[in-house]
Amino acid sequence: MIVKRLLKLVAAAGIAAVALPSFAQTQSTPRIDQRQENQQRRIEQGEKSGALNKKEAARLEKGQARIQKMEDKAVADGKVTAKERRRIEKAQDRESKKIYREKHDKQTAK
């Protein structure tokens, strides 16, 4: 588990190093980015506390990745429109509710 987390951190750092220069040229989405980080932290905390089992965490991670893809696509042309922002934020709302539901259901990590 520690090795997986370490690999994720290394991969994220590599992606950030490559992606940061391109983000400087495009419209930034700090509110969306911050929320993505918060939701990711909630998933990790749920795994650590045992409130989320591996299957639940993997499903939630997949949802976060889908939202990240939406954001990347929106940022790709250099301008995030209000419509794109609303769509991403609505997806984040849905994902946040899923995280809450999964963390507070009767399933726990063994």
Protein backbone atom coordinates (compact mmCIF):
# COMPACT_ATOMS: atom_id res chain seq x y z
CA MET A 1 0.00 0.00 0.00
CA ILE A 2 2.85 2.37 0.83
CA VAL A 3 4.59 1.41 -2.40
CA LYS A 4 1.43 2.14 -4.40
CA ARG A 5 1.06 5.54 -2.74
CA LEU A 6 4.71 6.31 -3.41
CA LEU A 7 4.31 5.33 -7.06
CA LYS A 8 1.24 7.56 -7.32
CA LEU A 9 3.19 10.48 -5.85
CA VAL A 10 6.10 9.97 -8.23
CA ALA A 11 3.74 9.72 -11.21
CA ALA A 12 1.84 12.83 -10.11
CA ALA A 13 5.09 14.77 -9.69
CA GLY A 14 6.21 13.73 -13.17
CA ILE A 15 2.91 14.74 -14.71
CA ALA A 16 2.96 18.05 -12.85
CA ALA A 17 6.49 18.80 -14.03
CA VAL A 18 5.44 18.29 -17.64
CA ALA A 19 2.01 19.90 -17.35
CA LEU A 20 2.83 23.03 -15.32
CA PRO A 21 4.44 24.99 -18.18
CA SER A 22 1.41 24.37 -20.40
CA PHE A 23 -0.98 25.45 -17.64
CA ALA A 24 0.81 28.78 -17.37
CA GLN A 25 -0.26 29.52 -20.94
CA THR A 26 -3.92 28.62 -20.46
CA GLN A 27 -6.74 29.88 -18.31
CA SER A 28 -6.32 28.48 -14.84
CA THR A 29 -9.05 26.70 -12.92
CA PRO A 30 -7.92 27.08 -9.29
CA ARG A 31 -11.32 26.43 -7.70
CA ILE A 32 -11.79 23.21 -9.65
CA ASP A 33 -8.20 22.13 -8.96
CA GLN A 34 -8.53 22.79 -5.22
CA ARG A 35 -11.76 20.83 -5.05
CA GLN A 36 -10.16 17.91 -6.91
CA GLU A 37 -7.35 17.89 -4.34
CA ASN A 38 -9.84 18.02 -1.44
CA GLN A 39 -11.89 15.15 -2.83
CA GLN A 40 -8.75 13.11 -3.46
CA ARG A 41 -7.71 13.74 0.15
CA ARG A 42 -11.14 12.59 1.37
CA ILE A 43 -10.76 9.32 -0.55
CA GLU A 44 -7.26 8.73 0.84
CA GLN A 45 -8.43 9.51 4.37
CA GLY A 46 -11.33 7.06 3.93
CA GLU A 47 -8.91 4.34 2.84
CA LYS A 48 -6.60 5.06 5.75
CA SER A 49 -9.40 5.01 8.33
CA GLY A 50 -11.01 1.89 6.90
CA ALA A 51 -14.25 3.66 5.98
CA LEU A 52 -13.55 2.78 2.32
CA ASN A 53 -12.56 -0.65 1.11
CA LYS A 54 -10.23 -1.09 -1.88
CA LYS A 55 -13.06 -1.59 -4.37
CA GLU A 56 -14.91 1.53 -3.23
CA ALA A 57 -11.73 3.61 -3.29
CA ALA A 58 -10.87 2.38 -6.79
CA ARG A 59 -14.35 3.30 -8.04
CA LEU A 60 -14.10 6.78 -6.52
CA GLU A 61 -10.59 7.26 -7.95
CA LYS A 62 -11.97 6.38 -11.38
CA GLY A 63 -14.65 9.05 -10.96
CA GLN A 64 -12.01 11.61 -10.02
CA ALA A 65 -9.98 10.66 -13.08
CA ARG A 66 -13.05 11.15 -15.29
CA ILE A 67 -13.53 14.66 -13.90
CA GLN A 68 -9.84 15.42 -14.42
CA LYS A 69 -10.22 14.35 -18.05
CA MET A 70 -13.16 16.73 -18.40
CA GLU A 71 -11.07 19.57 -17.00
CA ASP A 72 -8.09 18.75 -19.22
CA LYS A 73 -10.35 18.76 -22.27
CA ALA A 74 -11.88 22.10 -21.26
CA VAL A 75 -8.46 23.69 -20.68
CA ALA A 76 -6.97 22.28 -23.91
CA ASP A 77 -8.21 25.14 -26.12
CA GLY A 78 -6.90 27.75 -23.68
CA LYS A 79 -10.28 28.99 -22.45
CA VAL A 80 -12.64 27.35 -19.97
CA THR A 81 -16.13 28.60 -20.77
CA ALA A 82 -18.80 29.14 -18.13
CA LYS A 83 -20.73 26.19 -19.54
CA GLU A 84 -17.68 23.91 -19.26
CA ARG A 85 -17.03 25.14 -15.71
CA ARG A 86 -20.64 24.47 -14.67
CA ARG A 87 -20.48 20.98 -16.18
CA ILE A 88 -17.26 20.14 -14.35
CA GLU A 89 -18.52 21.56 -11.04
CA LYS A 90 -21.76 19.58 -11.35
CA ALA A 91 -19.73 16.41 -11.92
CA GLN A 92 -17.67 17.30 -8.84
CA ASP A 93 -20.89 17.73 -6.83
CA ARG A 94 -22.05 14.24 -7.87
CA GLU A 95 -18.68 12.73 -7.07
CA SER A 96 -18.58 14.45 -3.67
CA LYS A 97 -21.94 12.88 -2.80
CA LYS A 98 -20.64 9.47 -3.87
CA ILE A 99 -17.59 9.89 -1.64
CA TYR A 100 -19.83 10.77 1.31
CA ARG A 101 -22.17 7.85 0.68
CA GLU A 102 -19.36 5.33 0.32
CA LYS A 103 -17.55 6.57 3.44
CA HIS A 104 -20.73 6.38 5.52
CA ASP A 105 -22.18 3.08 4.33
CA LYS A 106 -21.89 -0.18 6.25
CA GLN A 107 -19.00 -1.54 4.20
CA THR A 108 -15.56 -1.22 5.73
CA ALA A 109 -12.05 -2.31 4.78
CA LYS A 110 -11.07 -5.68 6.22
